[in-house]
Structure formats: C-alpha cells, structure tokens
C-alpha atoms as a PDB file:
ATOM      1  CA  MET A   1      23.451  -4.655  -1.626  1.00  0.00           C
ATOM      2  CA  THR A   2      19.837  -4.990  -2.658  1.00  0.00           C
ATOM      3  CA  ARG A   3      18.146  -2.078  -4.413  1.00  0.00           C
ATOM      4  CA  VAL A   4      14.418  -1.610  -4.360  1.00  0.00           C
ATOM      5  CA  LEU A   5      12.560   0.770  -6.665  1.00  0.00           C
ATOM      6  CA  LEU A   6       9.641   2.052  -4.665  1.00  0.00           C
ATOM      7  CA  ALA A   7       6.553   2.452  -6.779  1.00  0.00           C
ATOM      8  CA  THR A   8       5.334   6.008  -6.707  1.00  0.00           C
ATOM      9  CA  LEU A   9       2.219   5.599  -8.786  1.00  0.00           C
ATOM     10  CA  LYS A  10      -0.967   7.559  -8.840  1.00  0.00           C
ATOM     11  CA  TYR A  11      -3.986   5.542  -7.706  1.00  0.00           C
ATOM     12  CA  LEU A  12      -6.303   4.557 -10.602  1.00  0.00           C
ATOM     13  CA  ALA A  13      -4.034   6.244 -13.135  1.00  0.00           C
ATOM     14  CA  ASN A  14      -3.302   5.507 -16.790  1.00  0.00           C
ATOM     15  CA  CYS A  15      -0.405   3.084 -16.088  1.00  0.00           C
ATOM     16  CA  PRO A  16      -1.564   0.935 -13.153  1.00  0.00           C
ATOM     17  CA  CYS A  17       1.271  -1.619 -13.131  1.00  0.00           C
ATOM     18  CA  THR A  18       4.173  -1.097 -10.717  1.00  0.00           C
ATOM     19  CA  ARG A  19       6.614  -2.965 -12.957  1.00  0.00           C
ATOM     20  CA  CYS A  20       5.883  -1.615 -16.413  1.00  0.00           C
ATOM     21  CA  MET A  21       4.383   1.276 -18.368  1.00  0.00           C
ATOM     22  CA  VAL A  22       1.535  -0.732 -19.940  1.00  0.00           C
ATOM     23  CA  GLU A  23      -1.540   1.460 -20.127  1.00  0.00           C
ATOM     24  CA  LYS A  24      -5.074   0.593 -18.974  1.00  0.00           C
ATOM     25  CA  ALA A  25      -6.236   0.363 -22.569  1.00  0.00           C
ATOM     26  CA  GLN A  26      -3.829  -2.561 -23.108  1.00  0.00           C
ATOM     27  CA  ILE A  27      -4.810  -4.575 -20.023  1.00  0.00           C
ATOM     28  CA  PHE A  28      -7.288  -6.687 -22.004  1.00  0.00           C
ATOM     29  CA  ALA A  29      -4.307  -8.553 -23.512  1.00  0.00           C
ATOM     30  CA  MET A  30      -2.945  -9.569 -20.096  1.00  0.00           C
ATOM     31  CA  GLY A  31      -1.224 -12.959 -20.138  1.00  0.00           C
ATOM     32  CA  SER A  32      -0.781 -13.152 -23.899  1.00  0.00           C
ATOM     33  CA  LYS A  33       2.614 -13.472 -25.600  1.00  0.00           C
ATOM     34  CA  ARG A  34       2.171  -9.951 -26.984  1.00  0.00           C
ATOM     35  CA  ASP A  35       1.478  -8.652 -23.475  1.00  0.00           C
ATOM     36  CA  MET A  36       4.599 -10.253 -22.006  1.00  0.00           C
ATOM     37  CA  LYS A  37       6.730  -8.818 -24.814  1.00  0.00           C
ATOM     38  CA  LEU A  38       5.192  -5.364 -24.257  1.00  0.00           C
ATOM     39  CA  ARG A  39       5.824  -5.556 -20.503  1.00  0.00           C
ATOM     40  CA  ARG A  40       9.505  -6.359 -21.070  1.00  0.00           C
ATOM     41  CA  LYS A  41       9.794  -3.543 -23.594  1.00  0.00           C
ATOM     42  CA  LYS A  42       8.000  -0.962 -21.407  1.00  0.00           C
ATOM     43  CA  LYS A  43       9.696  -1.843 -18.126  1.00  0.00           C
ATOM     44  CA  ARG A  44       9.364   0.836 -15.439  1.00  0.00           C
ATOM     45  CA  ILE A  45      12.814   1.957 -14.274  1.00  0.00           C
ATOM     46  CA  ASP A  46      14.133   4.699 -12.052  1.00  0.00           C
ATOM     47  CA  SER A  47      15.732   6.581 -14.935  1.00  0.00           C
ATOM     48  CA  ARG A  48      17.317  10.007 -14.995  1.00  0.00           C
ATOM     49  CA  PRO A  49      14.410  11.487 -17.050  1.00  0.00           C
ATOM     50  CA  ARG A  50      11.910  10.186 -14.450  1.00  0.00           C
ATOM     51  CA  GLN A  51      13.958  11.723 -11.643  1.00  0.00           C
ATOM     52  CA  ILE A  52      14.072  15.058 -13.515  1.00  0.00           C
ATOM     53  CA  SER A  53      10.284  14.968 -13.975  1.00  0.00           C
ATOM     54  CA  VAL A  54       9.787  14.400 -10.242  1.00  0.00           C
ATOM     55  CA  ARG A  55      12.224  17.227  -9.456  1.00  0.00           C
ATOM     56  CA  ASP A  56      10.418  19.598 -11.831  1.00  0.00           C
ATOM     57  CA  ALA A  57       7.008  18.682 -10.399  1.00  0.00           C
ATOM     58  CA  ARG A  58       8.260  19.201  -6.840  1.00  0.00           C
ATOM     59  CA  ARG A  59       9.662  22.586  -7.843  1.00  0.00           C
ATOM     60  CA  GLN A  60       6.248  23.610  -9.198  1.00  0.00           C
ATOM     61  CA  ILE A  61       4.603  22.497  -5.943  1.00  0.00           C
ATOM     62  CA  PHE A  62       7.053  23.804  -3.343  1.00  0.00           C
ATOM     63  CA  GLN A  63       8.544  26.884  -5.025  1.00  0.00           C
ATOM     64  CA  PHE A  64       5.602  28.122  -7.055  1.00  0.00           C
ATOM     65  CA  GLY A  65       2.760  26.912  -4.828  1.00  0.00           C
ATOM     66  CA  ARG A  66       0.952  24.863  -7.458  1.00  0.00           C
ATOM     67  CA  PRO A  67      -1.476  22.206  -6.188  1.00  0.00           C
ATOM     68  CA  VAL A  68      -0.439  18.567  -6.625  1.00  0.00           C
ATOM     69  CA  ASN A  69      -3.450  18.014  -8.904  1.00  0.00           C
ATOM     70  CA  SER A  70      -2.807  21.158 -10.986  1.00  0.00           C
ATOM     71  CA  VAL A  71      -2.670  21.111 -14.783  1.00  0.00           C
ATOM     72  CA  VAL A  72       1.052  21.968 -14.677  1.00  0.00           C
ATOM     73  CA  VAL A  73       1.994  19.104 -12.341  1.00  0.00           C
ATOM     74  CA  GLU A  74      -0.283  16.699 -14.230  1.00  0.00           C
ATOM     75  CA  GLY A  75       1.438  17.745 -17.451  1.00  0.00           C
ATOM     76  CA  ILE A  76       4.807  16.796 -15.987  1.00  0.00           C
ATOM     77  CA  LEU A  77       3.880  13.509 -14.273  1.00  0.00           C
ATOM     78  CA  GLY A  78       0.583  12.436 -15.808  1.00  0.00           C
ATOM     79  CA  LYS A  79       1.965  10.641 -18.842  1.00  0.00           C
ATOM     80  CA  HIS A  80       3.584   7.959 -16.697  1.00  0.00           C
ATOM     81  CA  SER A  81       1.114   8.043 -13.790  1.00  0.00           C
ATOM     82  CA  GLY A  82       3.756   9.397 -11.446  1.00  0.00           C
ATOM     83  CA  VAL A  83       3.487  11.258  -8.172  1.00  0.00           C
ATOM     84  CA  PRO A  84       5.969  13.875  -6.901  1.00  0.00           C
ATOM     85  CA  THR A  85       7.674  11.595  -4.370  1.00  0.00           C
ATOM     86  CA  HIS A  86      11.434  11.702  -4.001  1.00  0.00           C
ATOM     87  CA  VAL A  87      13.110   8.809  -2.181  1.00  0.00           C
ATOM     88  CA  ARG A  88      16.580   9.112  -0.705  1.00  0.00           C
ATOM     89  CA  ILE A  89      18.691   6.081   0.095  1.00  0.00           C
ATOM     90  CA  CYS A  90      20.276   6.227   3.509  1.00  0.00           C
ATOM     91  CA  ARG A  91      23.968   5.364   3.165  1.00  0.00           C
ATOM     92  CA  VAL A  92      24.155   4.313   6.830  1.00  0.00           C
ATOM     93  CA  CYS A  93      21.247   1.897   6.293  1.00  0.00           C
ATOM     94  CA  ILE A  94      22.934   0.385   3.241  1.00  0.00           C
ATOM     95  CA  GLU A  95      26.283  -0.028   4.973  1.00  0.00           C
ATOM     96  CA  ALA A  96      24.592  -1.676   7.979  1.00  0.00           C
ATOM     97  CA  HIS A  97      23.446  -4.596   5.797  1.00  0.00           C
END
C-alpha cells in the first residue's frame, strides 16, 4: 500500500515547501548543507497535532460561522501555512490496489 500525504498549503504563505516547514526567511540558504539538515529536521508530516489543528479550524468555520481568513482560523493554521482541508482515505480504493 502506498500512502500519499496531500499538501494542503496556503498559497504564498510563510512555509512554502510541501515537504518541510522551512520558512520563507530561510529560503536564501537553499541548497546549502545547513539547509538540507534543516529540511530533514523540519520535515512536514501528517501528525496528530496537525490533524487536531485542522479539526479545530473546521469547527470554527462550520459550527461557528467564522470566515476561512478570520483571525481565529489564521491563529490555528497560520503558523504552519495550513488550510482547513480534511482528506479521508477510501478503504475500498486501498483494497482495490
């Protein structure tokens, strides 16, 4: 079974890379040994805390009617340049492969 982490990143946000959490301010070092070490250390993963942040942001949007670009939602997802997208894996699709 192959797993794919879909990138749910905000366009032109603080962390533009789909694979790591390197910030825009650190892009100048791209390709250096320090940069490669930082990218390995700050790898973007589909962790439980990230899933909880998405859940909390979606709750603010759908239950409390907050806009996607509100201060509250930005406070939850803005640090990691996330968007409130939840992806479900279809068990039937997985078993078919």
